[in-house]
C-alpha atoms as a PDB file:
ATOM      1  CA  MET A   1      -0.148 -18.210 -21.255  1.00  0.00           C
ATOM      2  CA  ILE A   2      -1.487 -18.629 -17.925  1.00  0.00           C
ATOM      3  CA  LYS A   3      -5.464 -18.585 -17.844  1.00  0.00           C
ATOM      4  CA  LEU A   4      -7.233 -17.271 -14.690  1.00  0.00           C
ATOM      5  CA  TYR A   5     -10.734 -18.128 -13.255  1.00  0.00           C
ATOM      6  CA  HIS A   6     -11.900 -15.028 -11.773  1.00  0.00           C
ATOM      7  CA  ALA A   7     -15.005 -13.672  -9.731  1.00  0.00           C
ATOM      8  CA  PRO A   8     -15.056 -10.333  -8.503  1.00  0.00           C
ATOM      9  CA  MET A   9     -14.579  -9.810  -4.723  1.00  0.00           C
ATOM     10  CA  THR A  10     -13.068 -13.462  -3.734  1.00  0.00           C
ATOM     11  CA  ARG A  11      -9.372 -14.222  -3.297  1.00  0.00           C
ATOM     12  CA  SER A  12      -9.030 -14.527  -7.310  1.00  0.00           C
ATOM     13  CA  ILE A  13      -8.181 -10.725  -6.975  1.00  0.00           C
ATOM     14  CA  ARG A  14      -4.881 -12.002  -5.358  1.00  0.00           C
ATOM     15  CA  ILE A  15      -3.840 -13.563  -8.573  1.00  0.00           C
ATOM     16  CA  TYR A  16      -4.961 -11.118 -10.933  1.00  0.00           C
ATOM     17  CA  TRP A  17      -3.108  -8.342  -9.061  1.00  0.00           C
ATOM     18  CA  LEU A  18      -0.182 -10.498  -8.810  1.00  0.00           C
ATOM     19  CA  LEU A  19      -0.324 -10.946 -12.784  1.00  0.00           C
ATOM     20  CA  GLU A  20      -0.680  -7.065 -13.325  1.00  0.00           C
ATOM     21  CA  GLU A  21       2.015  -6.453 -11.218  1.00  0.00           C
ATOM     22  CA  LEU A  22       4.442  -8.831 -13.060  1.00  0.00           C
ATOM     23  CA  GLY A  23       3.123  -7.642 -16.731  1.00  0.00           C
ATOM     24  CA  ILE A  24       2.902 -10.845 -18.077  1.00  0.00           C
ATOM     25  CA  PRO A  25       0.420 -12.089 -20.652  1.00  0.00           C
ATOM     26  CA  TYR A  26      -2.724 -14.239 -19.332  1.00  0.00           C
ATOM     27  CA  GLU A  27      -6.183 -15.027 -20.221  1.00  0.00           C
ATOM     28  CA  LEU A  28      -9.128 -13.903 -17.596  1.00  0.00           C
ATOM     29  CA  SER A  29     -12.138 -16.107 -17.406  1.00  0.00           C
ATOM     30  CA  LEU A  30     -14.911 -14.296 -15.829  1.00  0.00           C
ATOM     31  CA  VAL A  31     -17.024 -16.322 -13.664  1.00  0.00           C
ATOM     32  CA  SER A  32     -20.150 -16.180 -10.938  1.00  0.00           C
ATOM     33  CA  PHE A  33     -19.437 -17.146  -7.611  1.00  0.00           C
ATOM     34  CA  THR A  34     -21.650 -18.943  -5.942  1.00  0.00           C
ATOM     35  CA  PRO A  35     -22.231 -19.367  -2.111  1.00  0.00           C
ATOM     36  CA  ALA A  36     -22.414 -23.053  -1.745  1.00  0.00           C
ATOM     37  CA  LYS A  37     -23.083 -25.449   1.379  1.00  0.00           C
ATOM     38  CA  LEU A  38     -19.775 -27.444   0.558  1.00  0.00           C
ATOM     39  CA  PRO A  39     -16.735 -26.398  -0.530  1.00  0.00           C
ATOM     40  CA  PHE A  40     -15.218 -27.206  -4.199  1.00  0.00           C
ATOM     41  CA  SER A  41     -18.975 -26.322  -5.684  1.00  0.00           C
ATOM     42  CA  GLN A  42     -17.896 -23.295  -8.052  1.00  0.00           C
ATOM     43  CA  ALA A  43     -17.934 -24.211 -11.946  1.00  0.00           C
ATOM     44  CA  VAL A  44     -14.265 -24.082 -12.338  1.00  0.00           C
ATOM     45  CA  PRO A  45     -11.336 -26.455 -12.864  1.00  0.00           C
ATOM     46  CA  TRP A  46     -11.135 -28.410  -9.294  1.00  0.00           C
ATOM     47  CA  GLY A  47     -14.448 -26.619  -8.158  1.00  0.00           C
ATOM     48  CA  LYS A  48     -12.364 -23.796  -6.073  1.00  0.00           C
ATOM     49  CA  LEU A  49     -11.530 -20.111  -6.612  1.00  0.00           C
ATOM     50  CA  PRO A  50      -9.069 -19.026  -7.709  1.00  0.00           C
ATOM     51  CA  ALA A  51      -8.300 -21.656 -10.298  1.00  0.00           C
ATOM     52  CA  ILE A  52      -5.301 -21.258 -13.163  1.00  0.00           C
ATOM     53  CA  GLU A  53      -4.509 -23.574 -16.072  1.00  0.00           C
ATOM     54  CA  ASP A  54      -1.258 -23.036 -17.352  1.00  0.00           C
ATOM     55  CA  ASP A  55       0.539 -25.315 -19.972  1.00  0.00           C
ATOM     56  CA  GLY A  56      -1.062 -28.348 -18.639  1.00  0.00           C
ATOM     57  CA  VAL A  57      -1.354 -27.272 -15.177  1.00  0.00           C
ATOM     58  CA  THR A  58      -4.099 -27.042 -13.209  1.00  0.00           C
ATOM     59  CA  MET A  59      -4.317 -25.757  -9.530  1.00  0.00           C
ATOM     60  CA  PHE A  60      -6.161 -23.790  -6.957  1.00  0.00           C
ATOM     61  CA  GLU A  61      -5.073 -22.204  -3.731  1.00  0.00           C
ATOM     62  CA  SER A  62      -4.048 -18.642  -4.157  1.00  0.00           C
ATOM     63  CA  GLY A  63      -0.963 -18.848  -2.032  1.00  0.00           C
ATOM     64  CA  ALA A  64       0.197 -22.070  -3.849  1.00  0.00           C
ATOM     65  CA  ILE A  65      -0.946 -20.202  -7.318  1.00  0.00           C
ATOM     66  CA  LEU A  66       1.243 -17.349  -6.236  1.00  0.00           C
ATOM     67  CA  GLU A  67       4.321 -19.237  -5.266  1.00  0.00           C
ATOM     68  CA  TYR A  68       3.812 -20.941  -8.797  1.00  0.00           C
ATOM     69  CA  VAL A  69       3.685 -17.876 -11.116  1.00  0.00           C
ATOM     70  CA  LEU A  70       6.565 -16.292  -9.092  1.00  0.00           C
ATOM     71  CA  GLU A  71       8.624 -19.277  -9.679  1.00  0.00           C
ATOM     72  CA  ARG A  72       7.727 -19.403 -13.419  1.00  0.00           C
ATOM     73  CA  TYR A  73       7.216 -16.347 -14.569  1.00  0.00           C
ATOM     74  CA  GLY A  74       8.752 -13.917 -11.922  1.00  0.00           C
ATOM     75  CA  ASN A  75      12.360 -13.428 -13.034  1.00  0.00           C
ATOM     76  CA  GLY A  76      13.308 -12.533  -9.420  1.00  0.00           C
ATOM     77  CA  ARG A  77      10.761 -10.236  -8.986  1.00  0.00           C
ATOM     78  CA  LEU A  78       8.365  -9.766  -5.914  1.00  0.00           C
ATOM     79  CA  ALA A  79       9.783 -12.137  -3.932  1.00  0.00           C
ATOM     80  CA  PRO A  80      13.220 -12.550  -2.404  1.00  0.00           C
ATOM     81  CA  LYS A  81      15.568 -15.218  -3.167  1.00  0.00           C
ATOM     82  CA  PRO A  82      15.274 -18.443  -1.869  1.00  0.00           C
ATOM     83  CA  GLY A  83      17.500 -19.490   1.078  1.00  0.00           C
ATOM     84  CA  THR A  84      17.868 -15.501   2.356  1.00  0.00           C
ATOM     85  CA  PRO A  85      16.393 -14.532   5.800  1.00  0.00           C
ATOM     86  CA  GLU A  86      13.881 -12.216   3.637  1.00  0.00           C
ATOM     87  CA  ARG A  87      12.689 -15.143   2.164  1.00  0.00           C
ATOM     88  CA  ALA A  88      11.996 -16.394   5.467  1.00  0.00           C
ATOM     89  CA  ALA A  89      10.101 -13.495   6.078  1.00  0.00           C
ATOM     90  CA  PHE A  90       8.010 -13.312   2.879  1.00  0.00           C
ATOM     91  CA  LEU A  91       6.982 -17.120   3.091  1.00  0.00           C
ATOM     92  CA  GLN A  92       5.694 -16.177   6.604  1.00  0.00           C
ATOM     93  CA  TRP A  93       3.588 -13.486   5.735  1.00  0.00           C
ATOM     94  CA  VAL A  94       2.285 -15.444   2.267  1.00  0.00           C
ATOM     95  CA  HIS A  95       1.002 -18.119   4.559  1.00  0.00           C
ATOM     96  CA  PHE A  96      -0.252 -15.987   7.061  1.00  0.00           C
ATOM     97  CA  ALA A  97      -2.621 -14.411   4.955  1.00  0.00           C
ATOM     98  CA  GLU A  98      -4.520 -17.859   4.096  1.00  0.00           C
ATOM     99  CA  ALA A  99      -3.392 -19.920   7.160  1.00  0.00           C
ATOM    100  CA  THR A 100      -4.231 -17.415  10.077  1.00  0.00           C
ATOM    101  CA  ALA A 101      -5.753 -14.413   8.779  1.00  0.00           C
ATOM    102  CA  THR A 102      -8.309 -15.153   6.554  1.00  0.00           C
ATOM    103  CA  PRO A 103      -9.888 -18.497   8.205  1.00  0.00           C
ATOM    104  CA  PRO A 104     -11.940 -16.394  10.696  1.00  0.00           C
ATOM    105  CA  LEU A 105     -13.025 -13.749   7.946  1.00  0.00           C
ATOM    106  CA  GLY A 106     -14.535 -16.971   6.509  1.00  0.00           C
ATOM    107  CA  ASP A 107     -16.440 -17.597   9.300  1.00  0.00           C
ATOM    108  CA  ILE A 108     -17.819 -14.038   9.472  1.00  0.00           C
ATOM    109  CA  VAL A 109     -19.340 -14.532   6.262  1.00  0.00           C
ATOM    110  CA  ARG A 110     -20.614 -17.771   6.845  1.00  0.00           C
ATOM    111  CA  HIS A 111     -22.464 -16.719   9.646  1.00  0.00           C
ATOM    112  CA  THR A 112     -23.689 -13.374   8.595  1.00  0.00           C
ATOM    113  CA  ILE A 113     -24.304 -13.763   4.981  1.00  0.00           C
ATOM    114  CA  PHE A 114     -24.202 -17.398   3.546  1.00  0.00           C
ATOM    115  CA  LYS A 115     -26.205 -19.740   6.311  1.00  0.00           C
ATOM    116  CA  PRO A 116     -29.888 -19.105   6.619  1.00  0.00           C
ATOM    117  CA  GLU A 117     -30.599 -16.801   9.354  1.00  0.00           C
ATOM    118  CA  ALA A 118     -31.692 -19.720  11.755  1.00  0.00           C
ATOM    119  CA  GLU A 119     -28.320 -21.273  11.562  1.00  0.00           C
ATOM    120  CA  ARG A 120     -26.138 -18.425  11.963  1.00  0.00           C
ATOM    121  CA  ILE A 121     -24.123 -18.261  15.515  1.00  0.00           C
ATOM    122  CA  PRO A 122     -23.389 -15.119  16.621  1.00  0.00           C
ATOM    123  CA  ALA A 123     -20.970 -16.477  19.321  1.00  0.00           C
ATOM    124  CA  VAL A 124     -19.170 -17.903  16.257  1.00  0.00           C
ATOM    125  CA  VAL A 125     -18.814 -14.385  14.349  1.00  0.00           C
ATOM    126  CA  GLU A 126     -17.799 -12.544  17.860  1.00  0.00           C
ATOM    127  CA  ASP A 127     -14.773 -15.113  18.318  1.00  0.00           C
ATOM    128  CA  ALA A 128     -13.863 -14.750  14.724  1.00  0.00           C
ATOM    129  CA  ARG A 129     -13.641 -10.724  15.380  1.00  0.00           C
ATOM    130  CA  ALA A 130     -11.466 -10.969  18.059  1.00  0.00           C
ATOM    131  CA  ARG A 131      -9.311 -13.224  16.206  1.00  0.00           C
ATOM    132  CA  VAL A 132      -9.109 -11.150  13.031  1.00  0.00           C
ATOM    133  CA  ALA A 133      -8.078  -8.165  15.578  1.00  0.00           C
ATOM    134  CA  ALA A 134      -5.586 -10.334  17.196  1.00  0.00           C
ATOM    135  CA  CYS A 135      -4.175 -10.925  13.555  1.00  0.00           C
ATOM    136  CA  PHE A 136      -4.232  -7.194  12.495  1.00  0.00           C
ATOM    137  CA  ALA A 137      -2.654  -6.189  16.072  1.00  0.00           C
ATOM    138  CA  VAL A 138       0.386  -8.580  15.050  1.00  0.00           C
ATOM    139  CA  LEU A 139       0.734  -7.006  11.415  1.00  0.00           C
ATOM    140  CA  GLU A 140       0.433  -3.634  12.726  1.00  0.00           C
ATOM    141  CA  ARG A 141       3.573  -4.240  14.962  1.00  0.00           C
ATOM    142  CA  ALA A 142       4.915  -5.957  11.930  1.00  0.00           C
ATOM    143  CA  LEU A 143       4.804  -2.726  10.082  1.00  0.00           C
ATOM    144  CA  GLU A 144       6.723  -0.373  12.165  1.00  0.00           C
ATOM    145  CA  GLY A 145       8.780   1.922  10.314  1.00  0.00           C
ATOM    146  CA  LYS A 146       8.127  -0.409   6.822  1.00  0.00           C
ATOM    147  CA  ASP A 147       6.214   0.833   4.090  1.00  0.00           C
ATOM    148  CA  TYR A 148       5.476  -2.762   3.032  1.00  0.00           C
ATOM    149  CA  LEU A 149       5.952  -6.192   5.228  1.00  0.00           C
ATOM    150  CA  LEU A 150       9.870  -6.635   3.844  1.00  0.00           C
ATOM    151  CA  GLY A 151      10.387  -3.116   4.470  1.00  0.00           C
ATOM    152  CA  SER A 152      10.956  -0.598   1.663  1.00  0.00           C
ATOM    153  CA  GLN A 153      10.310  -3.063  -1.241  1.00  0.00           C
ATOM    154  CA  PHE A 154       6.500  -4.351  -2.420  1.00  0.00           C
ATOM    155  CA  SER A 155       6.290  -7.751  -2.796  1.00  0.00           C
ATOM    156  CA  ALA A 156       3.938 -10.756  -3.536  1.00  0.00           C
ATOM    157  CA  ALA A 157       3.491 -11.306   0.211  1.00  0.00           C
ATOM    158  CA  ASP A 158       2.198  -7.636   0.255  1.00  0.00           C
ATOM    159  CA  VAL A 159      -0.524  -8.916  -2.555  1.00  0.00           C
ATOM    160  CA  MET A 160      -1.743 -11.787   0.008  1.00  0.00           C
ATOM    161  CA  ILE A 161      -1.956  -9.653   2.863  1.00  0.00           C
ATOM    162  CA  GLY A 162      -3.733  -7.045   1.152  1.00  0.00           C
ATOM    163  CA  VAL A 163      -6.472  -8.719  -0.283  1.00  0.00           C
ATOM    164  CA  THR A 164      -7.134  -9.718   3.620  1.00  0.00           C
ATOM    165  CA  LEU A 165      -7.374  -6.395   4.413  1.00  0.00           C
ATOM    166  CA  LEU A 166      -9.605  -5.769   1.778  1.00  0.00           C
ATOM    167  CA  ILE A 167     -12.107  -8.350   2.488  1.00  0.00           C
ATOM    168  CA  ALA A 168     -11.916  -7.629   6.110  1.00  0.00           C
ATOM    169  CA  ARG A 169     -12.887  -3.850   5.739  1.00  0.00           C
ATOM    170  CA  ARG A 170     -15.965  -5.064   3.818  1.00  0.00           C
ATOM    171  CA  LEU A 171     -16.726  -6.987   6.522  1.00  0.00           C
ATOM    172  CA  LYS A 172     -16.470  -4.338   8.672  1.00  0.00           C
ATOM    173  CA  ALA A 173     -13.817  -6.224  10.534  1.00  0.00           C
ATOM    174  CA  PHE A 174     -11.079  -3.579  10.159  1.00  0.00           C
ATOM    175  CA  ASP A 175     -11.377  -0.331  11.331  1.00  0.00           C
ATOM    176  CA  ASP A 176      -9.160   2.904  12.468  1.00  0.00           C
ATOM    177  CA  ARG A 177      -7.509   0.983  15.188  1.00  0.00           C
ATOM    178  CA  TYR A 178      -4.707   0.239  12.823  1.00  0.00           C
ATOM    179  CA  PRO A 179      -3.326   3.251  11.691  1.00  0.00           C
ATOM    180  CA  LYS A 180       0.055   1.654  10.489  1.00  0.00           C
ATOM    181  CA  LEU A 181      -2.404  -0.993   8.498  1.00  0.00           C
ATOM    182  CA  THR A 182      -4.588   1.798   7.152  1.00  0.00           C
ATOM    183  CA  ALA A 183      -1.465   3.592   5.735  1.00  0.00           C
ATOM    184  CA  TYR A 184      -0.410   0.504   4.182  1.00  0.00           C
ATOM    185  CA  LEU A 185      -3.768  -0.483   2.700  1.00  0.00           C
ATOM    186  CA  ALA A 186      -3.939   2.726   0.922  1.00  0.00           C
ATOM    187  CA  ARG A 187      -0.510   2.721  -0.369  1.00  0.00           C
ATOM    188  CA  LEU A 188      -1.545  -0.544  -1.495  1.00  0.00           C
ATOM    189  CA  GLU A 189      -4.748   0.736  -3.187  1.00  0.00           C
ATOM    190  CA  ALA A 190      -2.861   3.336  -4.911  1.00  0.00           C
ATOM    191  CA  ARG A 191      -1.280   0.475  -7.269  1.00  0.00           C
ATOM    192  CA  PRO A 192      -2.473   0.612 -10.709  1.00  0.00           C
ATOM    193  CA  ALA A 193      -2.445  -3.360 -10.820  1.00  0.00           C
ATOM    194  CA  LEU A 194      -4.631  -3.649  -7.752  1.00  0.00           C
ATOM    195  CA  GLN A 195      -7.069  -0.915  -9.374  1.00  0.00           C
ATOM    196  CA  LYS A 196      -7.505  -2.685 -12.325  1.00  0.00           C
ATOM    197  CA  ALA A 197      -8.138  -6.208 -10.558  1.00  0.00           C
ATOM    198  CA  LEU A 198     -10.534  -4.578  -8.635  1.00  0.00           C
ATOM    199  CA  SER A 199     -11.815  -2.744 -11.292  1.00  0.00           C
END
């Protein structure tokens, strides 16, 4: 059984949400997130959230965990079949969430919350907000005529992007300039599995 180390309002929400969507058994280990100067400083395996343990496997990185869980427990749910054009789009959005859209949010957090006032650099925040806006403009175009990133069907790519949007909204980096994204996030927030992960 998967053991998920979870701290509220961190990216571990992605894995909690995914496990709920799949309806598979898991153990939830609630931990406290501690802002730290250096990464790998959390009191969990590998020192990074989210983390899982599963039958001798211990891993971190939300996107990697998501792919592992889908391969091992998904039975073809929430992801297109490998080798299909839909799979290519799925992988693109899964990795876009962490590799492109979330890093500027980390810059905003560091320079508005985590760093001491004297070490905060307003220009970093301004640049990060511009990068976030560029990412959201791409997502706004991608959702043209679609309910979800891959079309009419919800997938685990929506889990990855959805949590990025929730983080951005909390940081006031997401607003009503993006009507399609706003409607999309409302659809995601209506899902019982996400409601459980956020509770």
